[in-house]
Amino acid sequence: MSGRGVAGYLKRFGERRVRPAPISEAAFVGAAIGAAMGGLRPVVEVMLVDFIGVAMDALLNQAAKIEAFSGGKWKVPMVVRAACGGGYGDAGQHEQSLWGWLAHIPGLVVLAPSTPADAGGLMLAAIEYEGPVIYLEHKLLAAYWLDAMGRVDGTL
C-alpha cells in the first residue's frame, strides 16, 4: 500500500487488517497467496503496475495455477491492485498499461474499471471472486494521482 493512505486505512480497519510493509512486491504477493489459501481474502497493492514484474513468479506459477494443480481443492481468492496508465510525465518507467499482458495468463482475472462508479463495484466483485484477480485502476480515475499531477479539480 502506498504510504499516503496508511494512516487512513489503519484508523478505519485497524492494525490486524492493515500491514504497512517495505517495498518487496514478490514478498507481499507471495504472502497474500498463502493468506488466501489459509482462508483470508487479501487485497495487495502493488503501487504501480510497472513493478508487477518482480512478483510474476508468485502470480504466474503459484496464484494462477494452484486451483488447477490441486484439482480444485485449493483456491486463491485474492486481489492485486495496481495503478496503471500515463498522463503525469514519468515516461516509460511508470506509465505502462499491462492489462493485455496479464490477461493472457490462464487462471488470472484482470479487471480495469473505466469510470469511478465502475471502480467500487468491480472491487467488491474482485474481493468476492474465488480466484486471483488483478485489479488495474487507471491513474486518471484516482484523486491521488490527479493531486500528484497538480490537477486537484479533476481536469486534464
C-alpha atoms as a PDB file:
ATOM      1  CA  MET A   1       0.000   0.000   0.000  1.00  0.00           C
ATOM      2  CA  SER A   2       1.204   3.489  -0.648  1.00  0.00           C
ATOM      3  CA  GLY A   3       2.487   5.450   2.314  1.00  0.00           C
ATOM      4  CA  ARG A   4      -0.041   8.200   1.698  1.00  0.00           C
ATOM      5  CA  GLY A   5      -3.060   6.073   2.645  1.00  0.00           C
ATOM      6  CA  VAL A   6      -1.666   4.046   5.550  1.00  0.00           C
ATOM      7  CA  ALA A   7      -2.944   6.269   8.349  1.00  0.00           C
ATOM      8  CA  GLY A   8      -6.478   6.354   6.994  1.00  0.00           C
ATOM      9  CA  TYR A   9      -6.537   2.589   6.461  1.00  0.00           C
ATOM     10  CA  LEU A  10      -5.106   1.927   9.918  1.00  0.00           C
ATOM     11  CA  LYS A  11      -7.751   4.109  11.527  1.00  0.00           C
ATOM     12  CA  ARG A  12     -10.591   2.564   9.535  1.00  0.00           C
ATOM     13  CA  PHE A  13      -9.603  -1.125   9.617  1.00  0.00           C
ATOM     14  CA  GLY A  14      -7.119  -1.459  12.494  1.00  0.00           C
ATOM     15  CA  GLU A  15      -3.651  -2.918  12.822  1.00  0.00           C
ATOM     16  CA  ARG A  16      -4.860  -6.505  12.481  1.00  0.00           C
ATOM     17  CA  ARG A  17      -6.063  -5.902   8.917  1.00  0.00           C
ATOM     18  CA  VAL A  18      -3.600  -3.328   7.589  1.00  0.00           C
ATOM     19  CA  ARG A  19       0.064  -4.191   7.398  1.00  0.00           C
ATOM     20  CA  PRO A  20       2.422  -1.498   6.172  1.00  0.00           C
ATOM     21  CA  ALA A  21       5.357  -3.252   4.550  1.00  0.00           C
ATOM     22  CA  PRO A  22       8.693  -2.396   2.996  1.00  0.00           C
ATOM     23  CA  ILE A  23       8.639  -2.402  -0.761  1.00  0.00           C
ATOM     24  CA  SER A  24       9.031  -6.033  -1.818  1.00  0.00           C
ATOM     25  CA  GLU A  25       6.316  -6.872  -4.297  1.00  0.00           C
ATOM     26  CA  ALA A  26       7.397 -10.510  -4.554  1.00  0.00           C
ATOM     27  CA  ALA A  27       7.245 -10.920  -0.759  1.00  0.00           C
ATOM     28  CA  PHE A  28       3.850  -9.393  -0.138  1.00  0.00           C
ATOM     29  CA  VAL A  29       2.212 -11.011  -3.180  1.00  0.00           C
ATOM     30  CA  GLY A  30       3.644 -14.346  -2.046  1.00  0.00           C
ATOM     31  CA  ALA A  31       2.384 -13.757   1.493  1.00  0.00           C
ATOM     32  CA  ALA A  32      -1.052 -12.878   0.120  1.00  0.00           C
ATOM     33  CA  ILE A  33      -1.184 -16.178  -1.766  1.00  0.00           C
ATOM     34  CA  GLY A  34      -0.539 -18.048   1.470  1.00  0.00           C
ATOM     35  CA  ALA A  35      -3.107 -15.934   3.312  1.00  0.00           C
ATOM     36  CA  ALA A  36      -5.697 -16.590   0.593  1.00  0.00           C
ATOM     37  CA  MET A  37      -5.049 -20.326   0.741  1.00  0.00           C
ATOM     38  CA  GLY A  38      -5.458 -20.081   4.514  1.00  0.00           C
ATOM     39  CA  GLY A  39      -8.983 -18.693   4.218  1.00  0.00           C
ATOM     40  CA  LEU A  40      -8.450 -14.926   4.041  1.00  0.00           C
ATOM     41  CA  ARG A  41      -9.233 -12.613   1.121  1.00  0.00           C
ATOM     42  CA  PRO A  42      -6.222 -10.321   0.955  1.00  0.00           C
ATOM     43  CA  VAL A  43      -6.063  -7.195  -1.165  1.00  0.00           C
ATOM     44  CA  VAL A  44      -2.452  -6.369  -2.005  1.00  0.00           C
ATOM     45  CA  GLU A  45      -1.394  -3.092  -3.517  1.00  0.00           C
ATOM     46  CA  VAL A  46       1.459  -3.036  -5.977  1.00  0.00           C
ATOM     47  CA  MET A  47       1.552   0.712  -6.213  1.00  0.00           C
ATOM     48  CA  LEU A  48       2.408   0.829  -9.920  1.00  0.00           C
ATOM     49  CA  VAL A  49       1.743  -1.970 -12.400  1.00  0.00           C
ATOM     50  CA  ASP A  50       5.253  -1.341 -13.712  1.00  0.00           C
ATOM     51  CA  PHE A  51       6.568  -3.205 -10.651  1.00  0.00           C
ATOM     52  CA  ILE A  52       4.361  -6.272 -11.033  1.00  0.00           C
ATOM     53  CA  GLY A  53       7.101  -7.998 -12.978  1.00  0.00           C
ATOM     54  CA  VAL A  54       9.049  -8.715  -9.801  1.00  0.00           C
ATOM     55  CA  ALA A  55       6.014 -10.589  -8.449  1.00  0.00           C
ATOM     56  CA  MET A  56       5.297 -12.558 -11.626  1.00  0.00           C
ATOM     57  CA  ASP A  57       6.695 -15.840 -10.339  1.00  0.00           C
ATOM     58  CA  ALA A  58       4.192 -15.776  -7.493  1.00  0.00           C
ATOM     59  CA  LEU A  59       1.337 -14.715  -9.788  1.00  0.00           C
ATOM     60  CA  LEU A  60       2.115 -16.880 -12.819  1.00  0.00           C
ATOM     61  CA  ASN A  61       3.448 -20.033 -11.210  1.00  0.00           C
ATOM     62  CA  GLN A  62       1.512 -20.052  -7.955  1.00  0.00           C
ATOM     63  CA  ALA A  63      -1.680 -17.964  -7.725  1.00  0.00           C
ATOM     64  CA  ALA A  64      -2.847 -18.631 -11.279  1.00  0.00           C
ATOM     65  CA  LYS A  65      -2.179 -22.392 -11.174  1.00  0.00           C
ATOM     66  CA  ILE A  66      -2.859 -23.626  -7.650  1.00  0.00           C
ATOM     67  CA  GLU A  67      -6.552 -24.356  -8.221  1.00  0.00           C
ATOM     68  CA  ALA A  68      -5.865 -26.348 -11.386  1.00  0.00           C
ATOM     69  CA  PHE A  69      -2.857 -28.164  -9.942  1.00  0.00           C
ATOM     70  CA  SER A  70      -4.785 -29.148  -6.810  1.00  0.00           C
ATOM     71  CA  GLY A  71      -7.791 -30.455  -8.714  1.00  0.00           C
ATOM     72  CA  GLY A  72      -9.913 -27.639  -7.294  1.00  0.00           C
ATOM     73  CA  LYS A  73      -9.059 -28.415  -3.650  1.00  0.00           C
ATOM     74  CA  TRP A  74      -7.243 -25.103  -3.129  1.00  0.00           C
ATOM     75  CA  LYS A  75      -8.489 -21.651  -4.038  1.00  0.00           C
ATOM     76  CA  VAL A  76      -6.593 -18.363  -4.072  1.00  0.00           C
ATOM     77  CA  PRO A  77      -9.196 -15.627  -3.501  1.00  0.00           C
ATOM     78  CA  MET A  78      -7.004 -12.553  -3.582  1.00  0.00           C
ATOM     79  CA  VAL A  79      -6.835  -9.195  -5.302  1.00  0.00           C
ATOM     80  CA  VAL A  80      -3.690  -7.487  -6.524  1.00  0.00           C
ATOM     81  CA  ARG A  81      -4.442  -3.815  -7.048  1.00  0.00           C
ATOM     82  CA  ALA A  82      -2.169  -1.604  -9.109  1.00  0.00           C
ATOM     83  CA  ALA A  83      -2.323   1.792 -10.754  1.00  0.00           C
ATOM     84  CA  CYS A  84      -1.601   1.886 -14.462  1.00  0.00           C
ATOM     85  CA  GLY A  85      -1.559   4.258 -17.382  1.00  0.00           C
ATOM     86  CA  GLY A  86       0.101   7.519 -18.178  1.00  0.00           C
ATOM     87  CA  GLY A  87      -0.620  11.164 -18.113  1.00  0.00           C
ATOM     88  CA  TYR A  88       1.677  12.604 -15.489  1.00  0.00           C
ATOM     89  CA  GLY A  89       5.097  12.598 -17.119  1.00  0.00           C
ATOM     90  CA  ASP A  90       7.084   9.626 -15.783  1.00  0.00           C
ATOM     91  CA  ALA A  91       7.758   8.255 -19.265  1.00  0.00           C
ATOM     92  CA  GLY A  92       8.410   4.551 -19.749  1.00  0.00           C
ATOM     93  CA  GLN A  93       9.223   3.673 -16.159  1.00  0.00           C
ATOM     94  CA  HIS A  94       5.865   4.443 -14.544  1.00  0.00           C
ATOM     95  CA  GLU A  95       3.265   4.841 -17.265  1.00  0.00           C
ATOM     96  CA  GLN A  96       2.632   1.333 -18.566  1.00  0.00           C
ATOM     97  CA  SER A  97      -0.727  -0.299 -19.117  1.00  0.00           C
ATOM     98  CA  LEU A  98      -0.127  -4.035 -18.814  1.00  0.00           C
ATOM     99  CA  TRP A  99      -3.690  -5.368 -18.715  1.00  0.00           C
ATOM    100  CA  GLY A 100      -3.289  -7.138 -22.078  1.00  0.00           C
ATOM    101  CA  TRP A 101      -0.136  -8.921 -20.950  1.00  0.00           C
ATOM    102  CA  LEU A 102      -1.688 -10.004 -17.644  1.00  0.00           C
ATOM    103  CA  ALA A 103      -4.985 -11.024 -19.267  1.00  0.00           C
ATOM    104  CA  HIS A 104      -3.142 -13.685 -21.262  1.00  0.00           C
ATOM    105  CA  ILE A 105      -2.217 -15.647 -18.140  1.00  0.00           C
ATOM    106  CA  PRO A 106      -4.625 -18.568 -17.642  1.00  0.00           C
ATOM    107  CA  GLY A 107      -6.049 -18.547 -14.129  1.00  0.00           C
ATOM    108  CA  LEU A 108      -5.839 -14.785 -13.578  1.00  0.00           C
ATOM    109  CA  VAL A 109      -8.786 -12.441 -13.959  1.00  0.00           C
ATOM    110  CA  VAL A 110      -7.946  -8.877 -14.936  1.00  0.00           C
ATOM    111  CA  LEU A 111     -10.335  -6.023 -14.188  1.00  0.00           C
ATOM    112  CA  ALA A 112      -9.912  -2.474 -15.416  1.00  0.00           C
ATOM    113  CA  PRO A 113     -12.699  -0.068 -14.410  1.00  0.00           C
ATOM    114  CA  SER A 114     -13.403   2.711 -16.871  1.00  0.00           C
ATOM    115  CA  THR A 115     -15.225   5.098 -14.547  1.00  0.00           C
ATOM    116  CA  PRO A 116     -15.127   5.862 -10.823  1.00  0.00           C
ATOM    117  CA  ALA A 117     -18.562   4.230 -10.499  1.00  0.00           C
ATOM    118  CA  ASP A 118     -17.220   1.011 -12.062  1.00  0.00           C
ATOM    119  CA  ALA A 119     -14.292   1.010  -9.668  1.00  0.00           C
ATOM    120  CA  GLY A 120     -16.295   0.328  -6.498  1.00  0.00           C
ATOM    121  CA  GLY A 121     -18.486  -2.399  -7.932  1.00  0.00           C
ATOM    122  CA  LEU A 122     -15.613  -4.163  -9.639  1.00  0.00           C
ATOM    123  CA  MET A 123     -13.518  -4.090  -6.462  1.00  0.00           C
ATOM    124  CA  LEU A 124     -16.343  -5.703  -4.491  1.00  0.00           C
ATOM    125  CA  ALA A 125     -16.742  -8.343  -7.199  1.00  0.00           C
ATOM    126  CA  ALA A 126     -12.974  -8.933  -7.177  1.00  0.00           C
ATOM    127  CA  ILE A 127     -12.927  -9.465  -3.403  1.00  0.00           C
ATOM    128  CA  GLU A 128     -15.829 -11.921  -3.631  1.00  0.00           C
ATOM    129  CA  TYR A 129     -14.293 -13.895  -6.517  1.00  0.00           C
ATOM    130  CA  GLU A 130     -12.828 -17.303  -5.625  1.00  0.00           C
ATOM    131  CA  GLY A 131      -9.591 -16.866  -7.560  1.00  0.00           C
ATOM    132  CA  PRO A 132      -6.777 -14.385  -8.119  1.00  0.00           C
ATOM    133  CA  VAL A 133      -7.775 -11.029  -9.602  1.00  0.00           C
ATOM    134  CA  ILE A 134      -5.519  -8.298 -10.939  1.00  0.00           C
ATOM    135  CA  TYR A 135      -7.365  -5.003 -10.469  1.00  0.00           C
ATOM    136  CA  LEU A 136      -5.869  -2.244 -12.604  1.00  0.00           C
ATOM    137  CA  GLU A 137      -7.068   1.242 -11.840  1.00  0.00           C
ATOM    138  CA  HIS A 138      -6.041   3.913 -14.299  1.00  0.00           C
ATOM    139  CA  LYS A 139      -4.224   6.721 -12.543  1.00  0.00           C
ATOM    140  CA  LEU A 140      -6.522   9.337 -14.012  1.00  0.00           C
ATOM    141  CA  LEU A 141      -9.524   7.831 -12.156  1.00  0.00           C
ATOM    142  CA  ALA A 142      -7.994   8.427  -8.740  1.00  0.00           C
ATOM    143  CA  ALA A 143      -7.841  11.728  -6.870  1.00  0.00           C
ATOM    144  CA  TYR A 144      -4.418  10.724  -5.503  1.00  0.00           C
ATOM    145  CA  TRP A 145      -2.877  10.711  -8.966  1.00  0.00           C
ATOM    146  CA  LEU A 146      -4.737  13.803 -10.101  1.00  0.00           C
ATOM    147  CA  ASP A 147      -3.433  15.561  -6.998  1.00  0.00           C
ATOM    148  CA  ALA A 148       0.092  14.306  -7.702  1.00  0.00           C
ATOM    149  CA  MET A 149      -0.172  15.817 -11.167  1.00  0.00           C
ATOM    150  CA  GLY A 150      -1.334  19.129  -9.710  1.00  0.00           C
ATOM    151  CA  ARG A 151      -4.864  18.737 -11.076  1.00  0.00           C
ATOM    152  CA  VAL A 152      -6.955  18.509  -7.939  1.00  0.00           C
ATOM    153  CA  ASP A 153     -10.081  19.684  -9.767  1.00  0.00           C
ATOM    154  CA  GLY A 154     -10.046  16.524 -11.906  1.00  0.00           C
ATOM    155  CA  THR A 155      -9.348  18.265 -15.190  1.00  0.00           C
ATOM    156  CA  LEU A 156      -6.584  17.366 -17.552  1.00  0.00           C
END
